[in-house]
Amino acid sequence: MTHSRRAVGEAPSQLVIAPAWVTAEGAAAYTSLRPEFIKAAFRRGELPGYRHGHRTLRFKLADLDAWMSAAEVAASRARPDVPVPGILAGFRTNPSRRSRPS
């Protein structure tokens, strides 16, 4: 069994612990979404969070994980033959190719 030894005066290795609460920008980076989307989900009541002061929002990482898992389950239950309202409404595959009169 080997033991690691530190030199005299050497600082112990630091353990990096992720914060339990993050801001909307931190939540956006954690989930790979835009901060505006995170804030809108909070306002709609879809994402639990805490208002710190008048403007700053805080979110628990565990709540973000649960929210993303619930969205993943909902997406897996979606039927491919039923259009999702709001996502594909008014969407054209290639807007540069408009029909031109002959």
Protein backbone atom coordinates (compact mmCIF):
# COMPACT_ATOMS: atom_id res chain seq x y z
CA MET A 1 0.00 0.00 0.00
CA THR A 2 1.48 3.32 -1.02
CA HIS A 3 0.87 6.61 0.67
CA SER A 4 1.17 9.95 -1.02
CA ARG A 5 3.14 12.54 0.88
CA ARG A 6 3.13 16.29 0.61
CA ALA A 7 6.17 18.42 0.79
CA VAL A 8 6.42 20.75 3.75
CA GLY A 9 4.48 23.93 3.06
CA GLU A 10 2.55 22.45 0.11
CA ALA A 11 -1.14 23.30 0.12
CA PRO A 12 -3.60 20.40 0.23
CA SER A 13 -5.42 19.65 -3.00
CA GLN A 14 -8.64 21.60 -3.32
CA LEU A 15 -11.95 19.81 -3.77
CA VAL A 16 -14.15 21.66 -6.23
CA ILE A 17 -17.82 21.47 -5.33
CA ALA A 18 -20.49 22.68 -7.74
CA PRO A 19 -22.90 25.23 -6.28
CA ALA A 20 -26.38 24.00 -5.36
CA TRP A 21 -28.00 27.21 -6.66
CA VAL A 22 -27.25 28.97 -9.94
CA THR A 23 -28.48 32.13 -11.65
CA ALA A 24 -30.54 32.11 -14.85
CA GLU A 25 -27.33 32.47 -16.84
CA GLY A 26 -25.78 29.56 -14.96
CA ALA A 27 -28.94 27.49 -15.49
CA ALA A 28 -28.80 28.33 -19.19
CA ALA A 29 -25.19 27.19 -19.42
CA TYR A 30 -26.00 24.03 -17.44
CA THR A 31 -28.95 23.08 -19.67
CA SER A 32 -27.57 24.46 -22.97
CA LEU A 33 -30.58 26.74 -23.31
CA ARG A 34 -30.86 30.50 -23.58
CA PRO A 35 -31.32 32.56 -20.38
CA GLU A 36 -34.52 34.08 -21.82
CA PHE A 37 -36.00 30.58 -22.21
CA ILE A 38 -35.12 29.73 -18.60
CA LYS A 39 -36.70 32.97 -17.34
CA ALA A 40 -39.84 32.41 -19.42
CA ALA A 41 -40.21 28.86 -18.07
CA PHE A 42 -39.94 30.28 -14.55
CA ARG A 43 -42.61 32.93 -15.28
CA ARG A 44 -44.95 30.28 -16.75
CA GLY A 45 -44.52 28.19 -13.60
CA GLU A 46 -42.90 25.27 -15.44
CA LEU A 47 -39.53 25.61 -13.71
CA PRO A 48 -39.27 25.99 -9.94
CA GLY A 49 -36.94 28.70 -8.77
CA TYR A 50 -36.37 31.42 -6.21
CA ARG A 51 -36.42 35.16 -6.75
CA HIS A 52 -33.46 36.73 -4.95
CA GLY A 53 -34.23 40.41 -4.77
CA HIS A 54 -36.21 42.09 -7.51
CA ARG A 55 -34.39 40.81 -10.59
CA THR A 56 -32.08 37.93 -9.76
CA LEU A 57 -33.41 34.39 -10.11
CA ARG A 58 -31.83 31.33 -8.53
CA PHE A 59 -32.37 27.73 -9.54
CA LYS A 60 -31.41 24.45 -7.87
CA LEU A 61 -29.40 22.09 -10.03
CA ALA A 62 -31.58 19.19 -8.85
CA ASP A 63 -34.71 21.06 -10.04
CA LEU A 64 -33.09 21.73 -13.41
CA ASP A 65 -32.25 18.03 -13.77
CA ALA A 66 -35.84 17.04 -12.90
CA TRP A 67 -37.27 19.64 -15.31
CA MET A 68 -35.07 18.44 -18.16
CA SER A 69 -35.94 14.79 -17.44
CA ALA A 70 -39.66 15.58 -17.47
CA ALA A 71 -39.28 17.40 -20.80
CA GLU A 72 -37.39 14.42 -22.21
CA VAL A 73 -40.14 12.02 -21.13
CA ALA A 74 -42.82 14.28 -22.62
CA ALA A 75 -40.90 14.48 -25.90
CA SER A 76 -40.52 10.70 -26.05
CA ARG A 77 -44.30 10.29 -25.68
CA ALA A 78 -45.11 12.68 -28.51
CA ARG A 79 -46.68 11.13 -31.57
CA PRO A 80 -44.80 11.87 -34.79
CA ASP A 81 -48.00 12.03 -36.89
CA VAL A 82 -49.52 14.81 -34.75
CA PRO A 83 -48.06 18.28 -35.36
CA VAL A 84 -46.81 20.17 -32.34
CA PRO A 85 -48.57 23.55 -32.17
CA GLY A 86 -46.32 26.56 -32.14
CA ILE A 87 -43.16 24.86 -33.33
CA LEU A 88 -43.91 24.22 -36.98
CA ALA A 89 -46.60 26.86 -37.54
CA GLY A 90 -45.65 29.00 -40.50
CA PHE A 91 -42.39 27.18 -41.06
CA ARG A 92 -41.11 26.94 -44.62
CA THR A 93 -38.32 24.55 -45.45
CA ASN A 94 -36.44 27.03 -47.61
CA PRO A 95 -37.63 30.64 -47.48
CA SER A 96 -35.31 31.67 -50.33
CA ARG A 97 -37.23 29.49 -52.81
CA ARG A 98 -40.52 31.29 -53.08
CA SER A 99 -42.94 30.37 -55.78
CA ARG A 100 -42.63 32.83 -58.64
CA PRO A 101 -45.29 33.44 -61.25
CA SER A 102 -44.28 32.12 -64.66
